[in-house]
Amino acid sequence: MTYYSCFDHKGNIIARCQTKEDINVLKKMGRPIMEIKEMKKEESVVCSLTGSPSDYNEDY
């Protein structure tokens, strides 16, 4: 499974998403996503262990 980290214009992580559709929803909500990076497998393990990536996004 592929997960993505979304960053704002200052390089701060603002969301973790599982699909491109999730990213598009956040953009439509007005989140200032400036950069998207695919997470490494070892990073994405944390997402799958802690629940849905959307759990990280408090307003999603």
PDB file of N, CA and C in Angstrom:
ATOM      1  N   MET A   1       0.840  -1.168   0.000  1.00  0.00           N
ATOM      2  CA  MET A   1       0.000   0.000   0.000  1.00  0.00           C
ATOM      3  C   MET A   1       0.894   1.242   0.000  1.00  0.00           C
ATOM      4  N   THR A   2       0.516   2.226  -0.777  1.00  0.00           N
ATOM      5  CA  THR A   2       1.302   3.449  -0.893  1.00  0.00           C
ATOM      6  C   THR A   2       0.659   4.569  -0.094  1.00  0.00           C
ATOM      7  N   TYR A   3       1.468   5.283   0.663  1.00  0.00           N
ATOM      8  CA  TYR A   3       1.015   6.441   1.429  1.00  0.00           C
ATOM      9  C   TYR A   3       1.803   7.654   0.976  1.00  0.00           C
ATOM     10  N   TYR A   4       1.205   8.815   1.149  1.00  0.00           N
ATOM     11  CA  TYR A   4       1.827  10.057   0.717  1.00  0.00           C
ATOM     12  C   TYR A   4       1.871  11.052   1.871  1.00  0.00           C
ATOM     13  N   SER A   5       2.950  11.820   1.927  1.00  0.00           N
ATOM     14  CA  SER A   5       3.058  12.926   2.873  1.00  0.00           C
ATOM     15  C   SER A   5       2.855  14.210   2.087  1.00  0.00           C
ATOM     16  N   CYS A   6       2.043  15.100   2.625  1.00  0.00           N
ATOM     17  CA  CYS A   6       1.754  16.384   1.983  1.00  0.00           C
ATOM     18  C   CYS A   6       2.362  17.508   2.816  1.00  0.00           C
ATOM     19  N   PHE A   7       3.012  18.426   2.144  1.00  0.00           N
ATOM     20  CA  PHE A   7       3.722  19.511   2.809  1.00  0.00           C
ATOM     21  C   PHE A   7       3.192  20.864   2.372  1.00  0.00           C
ATOM     22  N   ASP A   8       3.294  21.848   3.278  1.00  0.00           N
ATOM     23  CA  ASP A   8       2.913  23.216   2.924  1.00  0.00           C
ATOM     24  C   ASP A   8       4.109  23.945   2.316  1.00  0.00           C
ATOM     25  N   HIS A   9       3.948  25.235   2.031  1.00  0.00           N
ATOM     26  CA  HIS A   9       5.003  26.014   1.370  1.00  0.00           C
ATOM     27  C   HIS A   9       6.252  26.204   2.233  1.00  0.00           C
ATOM     28  N   LYS A  10       6.148  25.968   3.535  1.00  0.00           N
ATOM     29  CA  LYS A  10       7.310  26.073   4.424  1.00  0.00           C
ATOM     30  C   LYS A  10       8.009  24.733   4.629  1.00  0.00           C
ATOM     31  N   GLY A  11       7.460  23.669   4.031  1.00  0.00           N
ATOM     32  CA  GLY A  11       8.059  22.347   4.180  1.00  0.00           C
ATOM     33  C   GLY A  11       7.546  21.570   5.376  1.00  0.00           C
ATOM     34  N   ASN A  12       6.511  22.098   6.042  1.00  0.00           N
ATOM     35  CA  ASN A  12       5.918  21.399   7.184  1.00  0.00           C
ATOM     36  C   ASN A  12       4.920  20.360   6.694  1.00  0.00           C
ATOM     37  N   ILE A  13       4.930  19.195   7.327  1.00  0.00           N
ATOM     38  CA  ILE A  13       3.968  18.174   6.941  1.00  0.00           C
ATOM     39  C   ILE A  13       2.585  18.578   7.459  1.00  0.00           C
ATOM     40  N   ILE A  14       1.602  18.514   6.565  1.00  0.00           N
ATOM     41  CA  ILE A  14       0.255  18.917   6.971  1.00  0.00           C
ATOM     42  C   ILE A  14      -0.748  17.775   6.835  1.00  0.00           C
ATOM     43  N   ALA A  15      -0.368  16.697   6.150  1.00  0.00           N
ATOM     44  CA  ALA A  15      -1.293  15.571   6.000  1.00  0.00           C
ATOM     45  C   ALA A  15      -0.539  14.336   5.543  1.00  0.00           C
ATOM     46  N   ARG A  16      -1.131  13.197   5.853  1.00  0.00           N
ATOM     47  CA  ARG A  16      -0.675  11.920   5.309  1.00  0.00           C
ATOM     48  C   ARG A  16      -1.894  11.294   4.652  1.00  0.00           C
ATOM     49  N   CYS A  17      -1.744  10.872   3.417  1.00  0.00           N
ATOM     50  CA  CYS A  17      -2.874  10.351   2.657  1.00  0.00           C
ATOM     51  C   CYS A  17      -2.539   9.000   2.055  1.00  0.00           C
ATOM     52  N   GLN A  18      -3.577   8.204   1.853  1.00  0.00           N
ATOM     53  CA  GLN A  18      -3.391   6.879   1.275  1.00  0.00           C
ATOM     54  C   GLN A  18      -3.569   6.895  -0.239  1.00  0.00           C
ATOM     55  N   THR A  19      -4.396   7.780  -0.759  1.00  0.00           N
ATOM     56  CA  THR A  19      -4.649   7.806  -2.201  1.00  0.00           C
ATOM     57  C   THR A  19      -4.543   9.229  -2.739  1.00  0.00           C
ATOM     58  N   LYS A  20      -4.400   9.332  -4.047  1.00  0.00           N
ATOM     59  CA  LYS A  20      -4.390  10.639  -4.713  1.00  0.00           C
ATOM     60  C   LYS A  20      -5.753  11.317  -4.543  1.00  0.00           C
ATOM     61  N   GLU A  21      -6.819  10.511  -4.466  1.00  0.00           N
ATOM     62  CA  GLU A  21      -8.155  11.069  -4.267  1.00  0.00           C
ATOM     63  C   GLU A  21      -8.245  11.778  -2.912  1.00  0.00           C
ATOM     64  N   ASP A  22      -7.622  11.184  -1.871  1.00  0.00           N
ATOM     65  CA  ASP A  22      -7.585  11.828  -0.554  1.00  0.00           C
ATOM     66  C   ASP A  22      -6.894  13.186  -0.643  1.00  0.00           C
ATOM     67  N   ILE A  23      -5.817  13.241  -1.402  1.00  0.00           N
ATOM     68  CA  ILE A  23      -5.072  14.485  -1.574  1.00  0.00           C
ATOM     69  C   ILE A  23      -5.944  15.523  -2.274  1.00  0.00           C
ATOM     70  N   ASN A  24      -6.674  15.097  -3.304  1.00  0.00           N
ATOM     71  CA  ASN A  24      -7.547  16.017  -4.026  1.00  0.00           C
ATOM     72  C   ASN A  24      -8.658  16.558  -3.133  1.00  0.00           C
ATOM     73  N   VAL A  25      -9.189  15.722  -2.244  1.00  0.00           N
ATOM     74  CA  VAL A  25     -10.226  16.172  -1.310  1.00  0.00           C
ATOM     75  C   VAL A  25      -9.659  17.259  -0.405  1.00  0.00           C
ATOM     76  N   LEU A  26      -8.457  17.051   0.110  1.00  0.00           N
ATOM     77  CA  LEU A  26      -7.840  18.046   0.990  1.00  0.00           C
ATOM     78  C   LEU A  26      -7.589  19.357   0.253  1.00  0.00           C
ATOM     79  N   LYS A  27      -7.170  19.263  -1.007  1.00  0.00           N
ATOM     80  CA  LYS A  27      -6.961  20.479  -1.800  1.00  0.00           C
ATOM     81  C   LYS A  27      -8.278  21.231  -1.973  1.00  0.00           C
ATOM     82  N   LYS A  28      -9.356  20.496  -2.245  1.00  0.00           N
ATOM     83  CA  LYS A  28     -10.669  21.130  -2.407  1.00  0.00           C
ATOM     84  C   LYS A  28     -11.140  21.773  -1.112  1.00  0.00           C
ATOM     85  N   MET A  29     -10.694  21.225   0.026  1.00  0.00           N
ATOM     86  CA  MET A  29     -11.047  21.789   1.329  1.00  0.00           C
ATOM     87  C   MET A  29     -10.225  23.040   1.637  1.00  0.00           C
ATOM     88  N   GLY A  30      -9.237  23.323   0.776  1.00  0.00           N
ATOM     89  CA  GLY A  30      -8.436  24.530   0.964  1.00  0.00           C
ATOM     90  C   GLY A  30      -7.109  24.318   1.665  1.00  0.00           C
ATOM     91  N   ARG A  31      -6.727  23.068   1.887  1.00  0.00           N
ATOM     92  CA  ARG A  31      -5.426  22.825   2.520  1.00  0.00           C
ATOM     93  C   ARG A  31      -4.313  23.269   1.574  1.00  0.00           C
ATOM     94  N   PRO A  32      -3.306  23.985   2.064  1.00  0.00           N
ATOM     95  CA  PRO A  32      -2.253  24.546   1.211  1.00  0.00           C
ATOM     96  C   PRO A  32      -1.171  23.520   0.856  1.00  0.00           C
ATOM     97  N   ILE A  33      -1.534  22.507   0.124  1.00  0.00           N
ATOM     98  CA  ILE A  33      -0.585  21.448  -0.238  1.00  0.00           C
ATOM     99  C   ILE A  33       0.293  21.942  -1.383  1.00  0.00           C
ATOM    100  N   MET A  34       1.594  22.057  -1.108  1.00  0.00           N
ATOM    101  CA  MET A  34       2.542  22.544  -2.104  1.00  0.00           C
ATOM    102  C   MET A  34       3.432  21.437  -2.650  1.00  0.00           C
ATOM    103  N   GLU A  35       3.620  20.381  -1.852  1.00  0.00           N
ATOM    104  CA  GLU A  35       4.494  19.289  -2.275  1.00  0.00           C
ATOM    105  C   GLU A  35       3.935  17.977  -1.746  1.00  0.00           C
ATOM    106  N   ILE A  36       4.050  16.931  -2.562  1.00  0.00           N
ATOM    107  CA  ILE A  36       3.576  15.608  -2.185  1.00  0.00           C
ATOM    108  C   ILE A  36       4.722  14.631  -2.404  1.00  0.00           C
ATOM    109  N   LYS A  37       5.013  13.839  -1.376  1.00  0.00           N
ATOM    110  CA  LYS A  37       6.082  12.846  -1.482  1.00  0.00           C
ATOM    111  C   LYS A  37       5.537  11.477  -1.103  1.00  0.00           C
ATOM    112  N   GLU A  38       5.888  10.493  -1.903  1.00  0.00           N
ATOM    113  CA  GLU A  38       5.518   9.118  -1.574  1.00  0.00           C
ATOM    114  C   GLU A  38       6.355   8.676  -0.379  1.00  0.00           C
ATOM    115  N   MET A  39       5.687   8.105   0.608  1.00  0.00           N
ATOM    116  CA  MET A  39       6.404   7.657   1.804  1.00  0.00           C
ATOM    117  C   MET A  39       7.168   6.376   1.507  1.00  0.00           C
ATOM    118  N   LYS A  40       8.311   6.212   2.150  1.00  0.00           N
ATOM    119  CA  LYS A  40       9.072   4.965   2.049  1.00  0.00           C
ATOM    120  C   LYS A  40       8.300   3.885   2.788  1.00  0.00           C
ATOM    121  N   LYS A  41       8.545   2.638   2.425  1.00  0.00           N
ATOM    122  CA  LYS A  41       7.822   1.532   3.061  1.00  0.00           C
ATOM    123  C   LYS A  41       7.977   1.551   4.572  1.00  0.00           C
ATOM    124  N   GLU A  42       9.184   1.850   5.063  1.00  0.00           N
ATOM    125  CA  GLU A  42       9.396   1.860   6.511  1.00  0.00           C
ATOM    126  C   GLU A  42       8.649   3.004   7.193  1.00  0.00           C
ATOM    127  N   GLU A  43       8.414   4.098   6.472  1.00  0.00           N
ATOM    128  CA  GLU A  43       7.630   5.201   7.028  1.00  0.00           C
ATOM    129  C   GLU A  43       6.141   4.866   7.018  1.00  0.00           C
ATOM    130  N   SER A  44       5.679   4.223   5.962  1.00  0.00           N
ATOM    131  CA  SER A  44       4.257   3.932   5.831  1.00  0.00           C
ATOM    132  C   SER A  44       3.787   2.845   6.784  1.00  0.00           C
ATOM    133  N   VAL A  45       4.709   2.063   7.342  1.00  0.00           N
ATOM    134  CA  VAL A  45       4.340   1.049   8.330  1.00  0.00           C
ATOM    135  C   VAL A  45       3.650   1.711   9.511  1.00  0.00           C
ATOM    136  N   VAL A  46       4.108   2.875   9.901  1.00  0.00           N
ATOM    137  CA  VAL A  46       3.505   3.598  11.024  1.00  0.00           C
ATOM    138  C   VAL A  46       2.043   3.896  10.741  1.00  0.00           C
ATOM    139  N   CYS A  47       1.722   4.304   9.510  1.00  0.00           N
ATOM    140  CA  CYS A  47       0.340   4.598   9.143  1.00  0.00           C
ATOM    141  C   CYS A  47      -0.525   3.348   9.259  1.00  0.00           C
ATOM    142  N   SER A  48      -0.025   2.231   8.767  1.00  0.00           N
ATOM    143  CA  SER A  48      -0.839   1.020   8.790  1.00  0.00           C
ATOM    144  C   SER A  48      -0.965   0.458  10.202  1.00  0.00           C
ATOM    145  N   LEU A  49      -0.024   0.759  11.086  1.00  0.00           N
ATOM    146  CA  LEU A  49      -0.112   0.282  12.466  1.00  0.00           C
ATOM    147  C   LEU A  49      -1.017   1.163  13.331  1.00  0.00           C
ATOM    148  N   THR A  50      -1.078   2.447  13.003  1.00  0.00           N
ATOM    149  CA  THR A  50      -1.839   3.373  13.840  1.00  0.00           C
ATOM    150  C   THR A  50      -3.251   3.627  13.331  1.00  0.00           C
ATOM    151  N   GLY A  51      -3.620   3.048  12.221  1.00  0.00           N
ATOM    152  CA  GLY A  51      -4.958   3.243  11.681  1.00  0.00           C
ATOM    153  C   GLY A  51      -4.907   3.945  10.343  1.00  0.00           C
ATOM    154  N   SER A  52      -5.988   4.514   9.975  1.00  0.00           N
ATOM    155  CA  SER A  52      -6.120   5.183   8.687  1.00  0.00           C
ATOM    156  C   SER A  52      -5.249   6.431   8.630  1.00  0.00           C
ATOM    157  N   PRO A  53      -4.659   6.727   7.467  1.00  0.00           N
ATOM    158  CA  PRO A  53      -3.895   7.961   7.340  1.00  0.00           C
ATOM    159  C   PRO A  53      -4.765   9.181   7.612  1.00  0.00           C
ATOM    160  N   SER A  54      -6.069   9.066   7.368  1.00  0.00           N
ATOM    161  CA  SER A  54      -6.949  10.205   7.613  1.00  0.00           C
ATOM    162  C   SER A  54      -7.068  10.518   9.102  1.00  0.00           C
ATOM    163  N   ASP A  55      -6.684   9.565   9.967  1.00  0.00           N
ATOM    164  CA  ASP A  55      -6.669   9.833  11.409  1.00  0.00           C
ATOM    165  C   ASP A  55      -5.714  10.988  11.714  1.00  0.00           C
ATOM    166  N   TYR A  56      -4.685  11.167  10.891  1.00  0.00           N
ATOM    167  CA  TYR A  56      -3.720  12.239  11.065  1.00  0.00           C
ATOM    168  C   TYR A  56      -4.340  13.589  10.708  1.00  0.00           C
ATOM    169  N   ASN A  57      -5.311  13.579   9.791  1.00  0.00           N
ATOM    170  CA  ASN A  57      -5.927  14.801   9.304  1.00  0.00           C
ATOM    171  C   ASN A  57      -7.165  15.100  10.141  1.00  0.00           C
ATOM    172  N   GLU A  58      -7.032  15.951  11.110  1.00  0.00           N
ATOM    173  CA  GLU A  58      -8.102  16.217  12.064  1.00  0.00           C
ATOM    174  C   GLU A  58      -9.361  16.792  11.417  1.00  0.00           C
ATOM    175  N   ASP A  59      -9.227  17.507  10.319  1.00  0.00           N
ATOM    176  CA  ASP A  59     -10.394  18.132   9.694  1.00  0.00           C
ATOM    177  C   ASP A  59     -10.893  17.384   8.466  1.00  0.00           C
ATOM    178  N   TYR A  60     -10.463  16.144   8.281  1.00  0.00           N
ATOM    179  CA  TYR A  60     -10.841  15.360   7.101  1.00  0.00           C
ATOM    180  C   TYR A  60     -11.706  14.203   7.505  1.00  0.00           C
TER     181      TYR A  60
END
